[in-house]
Amino acid sequence: MQNKPVLLTILDAASIIVLGIATYLALVFAPTEAVMGQVQRVFYFHIGTAWVGLLGFVIAAVAGVAYLITKDSRWDRFEVAAVEVSTVFFFITIVLGSIWARPAWNTWWTWDPRLTTAAITELIYIAYFMLRKGIEDPEKRARFGAVYTLLGGISAPITFMVIRLFRTIHPIVIGSANANQEKMSMTGDMKIAFFFGLFAFTVIFIDLIWHRIRLGSLEEKVEQLKLKVSM
């Protein structure tokens, strides 16, 4: 196995530090929201994980295009890493959203447009791994995966924009709201916790992507050895 890069070791340490700071800001520093109370603190992690989840799906689509153009397996490894890490983060987003929804909407789940598109997006990328598992040929698997992420990537901006396109009970955090929608307002301390949370999860996202790419490189070498043995 290749030696771990020094920069990655530094990034590991930075991820732990920023996660600790983000947790402090969310649970202690930020004031208690007047209407929802303590459960609103979930919001700072809910938005952070949603941000990197949707970002990763878009990045995977870009990596898929790059693979189709170059046929370079490094882009395929990057694509898989982005999808895998983002799928986990987006699942956490949905779970945290349900925890937040229970006291806010008096239900764990409702088929609101934002929640529905989020659930569909998560299922799309779970199916991505099922597709790859069903294809043995590495080149064919990478090609089909690239096309899939390109088409699946459309779901990410749709999920982000749906609360601006349809009437929904989900509040808008970033951007303007129309007359029928709720715009979430934040104090200065809340904004600090919010934006630092976005930064923290971005750092963690990059760290995990890098680790997954390195793991993907090892998996590719093992697969090549298996193919040589079977020939």
Protein backbone atom coordinates (compact mmCIF):
# COMPACT_ATOMS: atom_id res chain seq x y z
CA MET A 1 0.00 0.00 0.00
CA GLN A 2 1.24 3.49 -0.82
CA ASN A 3 2.44 5.64 2.02
CA LYS A 4 -0.15 8.06 3.29
CA PRO A 5 0.54 11.59 1.97
CA VAL A 6 1.49 14.16 4.60
CA LEU A 7 -1.19 16.52 3.32
CA LEU A 8 -3.83 13.84 3.82
CA THR A 9 -2.66 13.30 7.40
CA ILE A 10 -2.97 17.05 8.00
CA LEU A 11 -6.42 16.99 6.42
CA ASP A 12 -7.44 14.13 8.74
CA ALA A 13 -6.47 16.21 11.76
CA ALA A 14 -8.16 19.31 10.33
CA SER A 15 -11.38 17.33 9.77
CA ILE A 16 -11.52 16.26 13.41
CA ILE A 17 -10.80 19.81 14.60
CA VAL A 18 -13.38 21.56 12.40
CA LEU A 19 -16.01 18.92 13.27
CA GLY A 20 -15.40 19.59 16.95
CA ILE A 21 -15.67 23.35 16.45
CA ALA A 22 -18.81 22.97 14.32
CA THR A 23 -20.38 20.80 17.03
CA TYR A 24 -19.58 23.41 19.70
CA LEU A 25 -20.99 26.23 17.58
CA ALA A 26 -24.18 24.29 16.83
CA LEU A 27 -24.86 22.94 20.33
CA VAL A 28 -23.46 25.68 22.57
CA PHE A 29 -22.55 28.91 20.78
CA ALA A 30 -25.64 29.40 18.62
CA PRO A 31 -28.67 30.74 20.51
CA THR A 32 -31.77 28.62 20.99
CA GLU A 33 -34.33 29.27 18.27
CA ALA A 34 -37.42 30.96 19.71
CA VAL A 35 -40.08 28.80 18.03
CA MET A 36 -38.55 25.33 17.51
CA GLY A 37 -36.28 25.32 20.55
CA GLN A 38 -33.32 22.97 20.95
CA VAL A 39 -34.23 20.68 18.05
CA GLN A 40 -33.42 23.51 15.63
CA ARG A 41 -29.73 22.89 16.38
CA VAL A 42 -29.98 19.85 14.09
CA PHE A 43 -30.30 22.40 11.28
CA TYR A 44 -26.57 23.24 11.29
CA PHE A 45 -25.57 19.66 10.51
CA HIS A 46 -28.63 19.01 8.32
CA ILE A 47 -27.67 21.79 5.91
CA GLY A 48 -23.96 20.95 6.02
CA THR A 49 -24.49 17.31 5.06
CA ALA A 50 -27.04 18.28 2.39
CA TRP A 51 -24.54 20.70 0.87
CA VAL A 52 -21.74 18.18 0.45
CA GLY A 53 -24.19 15.45 -0.57
CA LEU A 54 -25.60 17.41 -3.50
CA LEU A 55 -22.16 18.84 -4.33
CA GLY A 56 -20.71 15.34 -4.60
CA PHE A 57 -23.45 14.19 -6.96
CA VAL A 58 -22.70 17.11 -9.29
CA ILE A 59 -18.95 16.44 -9.06
CA ALA A 60 -19.59 12.76 -9.88
CA ALA A 61 -21.45 13.80 -13.03
CA VAL A 62 -18.52 16.00 -14.08
CA ALA A 63 -16.11 13.11 -13.39
CA GLY A 64 -18.37 10.84 -15.47
CA VAL A 65 -18.13 13.22 -18.42
CA ALA A 66 -14.35 13.38 -17.98
CA TYR A 67 -14.16 9.57 -18.05
CA LEU A 68 -16.27 9.29 -21.19
CA ILE A 69 -13.93 11.76 -22.92
CA THR A 70 -10.57 10.48 -21.66
CA LYS A 71 -11.26 6.81 -20.75
CA ASP A 72 -8.89 7.41 -17.82
CA SER A 73 -9.72 5.07 -14.91
CA ARG A 74 -8.69 7.76 -12.42
CA TRP A 75 -11.85 9.66 -13.29
CA ASP A 76 -13.88 6.52 -12.66
CA ARG A 77 -12.32 6.13 -9.21
CA PHE A 78 -13.04 9.78 -8.48
CA GLU A 79 -16.64 9.35 -9.64
CA VAL A 80 -17.20 6.31 -7.41
CA ALA A 81 -15.65 8.09 -4.43
CA ALA A 82 -17.84 11.15 -4.90
CA VAL A 83 -21.03 9.10 -5.22
CA GLU A 84 -20.23 6.84 -2.27
CA VAL A 85 -19.34 9.63 0.15
CA SER A 86 -22.24 11.82 -0.98
CA THR A 87 -24.76 8.99 -0.70
CA VAL A 88 -23.78 8.52 2.94
CA PHE A 89 -23.93 12.24 3.67
CA PHE A 90 -27.28 12.61 1.93
CA PHE A 91 -28.71 9.72 3.92
CA ILE A 92 -27.59 11.51 7.09
CA THR A 93 -29.32 14.63 5.75
CA ILE A 94 -32.62 12.78 5.40
CA VAL A 95 -32.34 11.26 8.89
CA LEU A 96 -31.53 14.63 10.48
CA GLY A 97 -34.37 16.22 8.54
CA SER A 98 -36.78 13.65 9.98
CA ILE A 99 -35.56 14.39 13.50
CA TRP A 100 -36.11 18.08 12.85
CA ALA A 101 -39.52 17.49 11.23
CA ARG A 102 -41.01 15.53 14.14
CA PRO A 103 -41.45 18.50 16.51
CA ALA A 104 -41.69 21.11 13.74
CA TRP A 105 -44.34 19.40 11.57
CA ASN A 106 -45.61 16.78 14.06
CA THR A 107 -44.51 13.94 11.76
CA TRP A 108 -41.31 12.09 10.93
CA TRP A 109 -42.04 12.21 7.21
CA THR A 110 -44.37 13.89 4.76
CA TRP A 111 -44.43 13.75 0.97
CA ASP A 112 -43.46 17.39 0.61
CA PRO A 113 -41.79 18.17 -2.77
CA ARG A 114 -38.35 18.72 -1.21
CA LEU A 115 -38.52 15.53 0.86
CA THR A 116 -39.86 13.51 -2.05
CA THR A 117 -37.13 14.61 -4.46
CA ALA A 118 -34.50 14.03 -1.76
CA ALA A 119 -35.72 10.46 -1.25
CA ILE A 120 -35.73 9.83 -5.01
CA THR A 121 -32.20 11.21 -5.32
CA GLU A 122 -30.95 8.90 -2.56
CA LEU A 123 -32.58 5.88 -4.23
CA ILE A 124 -31.07 6.83 -7.60
CA TYR A 125 -27.56 6.66 -6.18
CA ILE A 126 -28.18 3.48 -4.21
CA ALA A 127 -29.20 1.95 -7.55
CA TYR A 128 -25.89 3.21 -8.99
CA PHE A 129 -23.97 0.76 -6.82
CA MET A 130 -26.35 -2.04 -7.76
CA LEU A 131 -25.66 -1.27 -11.43
CA ARG A 132 -21.89 -1.39 -10.94
CA LYS A 133 -22.08 -4.63 -8.95
CA GLY A 134 -23.95 -6.29 -11.79
CA ILE A 135 -21.25 -5.58 -14.42
CA GLU A 136 -18.05 -7.61 -14.30
CA ASP A 137 -16.09 -6.01 -17.14
CA PRO A 138 -14.20 -2.99 -15.66
CA GLU A 139 -14.35 -0.81 -18.78
CA LYS A 140 -18.02 -1.50 -19.41
CA ARG A 141 -18.77 -0.91 -15.71
CA ALA A 142 -16.97 2.44 -15.76
CA ARG A 143 -18.71 3.50 -18.98
CA PHE A 144 -22.19 2.60 -17.75
CA GLY A 145 -21.46 4.21 -14.39
CA ALA A 146 -20.34 7.43 -16.06
CA VAL A 147 -23.51 7.66 -18.13
CA TYR A 148 -25.61 6.89 -15.06
CA THR A 149 -24.01 9.64 -12.95
CA LEU A 150 -24.46 12.09 -15.80
CA LEU A 151 -28.20 11.39 -15.92
CA GLY A 152 -28.53 10.99 -12.15
CA GLY A 153 -26.74 14.29 -11.58
CA ILE A 154 -29.81 16.09 -12.89
CA SER A 155 -31.62 15.12 -9.67
CA ALA A 156 -29.24 17.21 -7.52
CA PRO A 157 -30.15 20.69 -8.88
CA ILE A 158 -33.81 19.63 -9.05
CA THR A 159 -33.73 18.74 -5.35
CA PHE A 160 -32.11 22.08 -4.54
CA MET A 161 -34.49 24.17 -6.67
CA VAL A 162 -37.77 22.37 -5.98
CA ILE A 163 -38.70 24.54 -2.98
CA ARG A 164 -38.38 27.58 -5.23
CA LEU A 165 -40.45 26.03 -8.01
CA PHE A 166 -43.33 24.58 -5.97
CA ARG A 167 -45.26 25.49 -2.86
CA THR A 168 -43.71 23.56 0.02
CA ILE A 169 -43.60 23.56 3.81
CA HIS A 170 -39.82 23.24 3.77
CA PRO A 171 -38.28 26.62 4.71
CA ILE A 172 -35.85 28.42 2.40
CA VAL A 173 -32.48 29.09 4.01
CA ILE A 174 -30.47 30.58 1.14
CA GLY A 175 -32.07 32.89 -1.40
CA SER A 176 -35.40 34.67 -1.52
CA ALA A 177 -38.79 33.14 -0.80
CA ASN A 178 -42.06 33.89 -2.52
CA ALA A 179 -45.24 34.97 -0.76
CA ASN A 180 -46.36 31.40 -0.07
CA GLN A 181 -43.13 30.19 1.50
CA GLU A 182 -41.29 30.59 4.76
CA LYS A 183 -37.88 32.29 4.77
CA MET A 184 -35.73 31.18 7.67
CA SER A 185 -34.07 34.10 9.43
CA MET A 186 -30.89 33.80 11.50
CA THR A 187 -29.13 35.95 14.05
CA GLY A 188 -25.44 36.82 13.68
CA ASP A 189 -24.36 33.94 15.93
CA MET A 190 -26.57 31.53 14.03
CA LYS A 191 -24.96 32.61 10.76
CA ILE A 192 -21.50 31.95 12.21
CA ALA A 193 -22.53 28.41 13.20
CA PHE A 194 -24.26 27.92 9.85
CA PHE A 195 -21.40 28.99 7.58
CA PHE A 196 -18.74 27.31 9.68
CA GLY A 197 -20.78 24.12 9.46
CA LEU A 198 -20.73 24.35 5.67
CA PHE A 199 -16.96 24.87 5.77
CA ALA A 200 -16.42 22.00 8.22
CA PHE A 201 -18.38 19.46 6.20
CA THR A 202 -16.62 20.59 3.02
CA VAL A 203 -13.26 19.83 4.65
CA ILE A 204 -14.52 16.45 5.87
CA PHE A 205 -15.97 15.71 2.44
CA ILE A 206 -12.63 16.35 0.72
CA ASP A 207 -10.84 14.22 3.30
CA LEU A 208 -13.18 11.25 2.83
CA ILE A 209 -13.10 11.58 -0.96
CA TRP A 210 -9.30 11.39 -0.91
CA HIS A 211 -9.37 8.28 1.30
CA ARG A 212 -11.96 6.63 -0.94
CA ILE A 213 -9.92 7.34 -4.07
CA ARG A 214 -6.88 5.68 -2.49
CA LEU A 215 -9.02 2.69 -1.55
CA GLY A 216 -10.39 2.57 -5.09
CA SER A 217 -6.86 2.44 -6.46
CA LEU A 218 -6.13 -0.62 -4.32
CA GLU A 219 -9.41 -2.27 -5.36
CA GLU A 220 -8.50 -1.75 -9.00
CA LYS A 221 -5.10 -3.39 -8.52
CA VAL A 222 -6.71 -6.38 -6.76
CA GLU A 223 -9.25 -6.72 -9.58
CA GLN A 224 -6.48 -6.65 -12.19
CA LEU A 225 -4.62 -9.40 -10.34
CA LYS A 226 -7.76 -11.53 -10.20
CA LEU A 227 -8.28 -11.10 -13.94
CA LYS A 228 -4.69 -12.16 -14.63
CA VAL A 229 -5.06 -15.24 -12.45
CA SER A 230 -8.32 -16.25 -14.13
CA MET A 231 -6.85 -15.94 -17.65
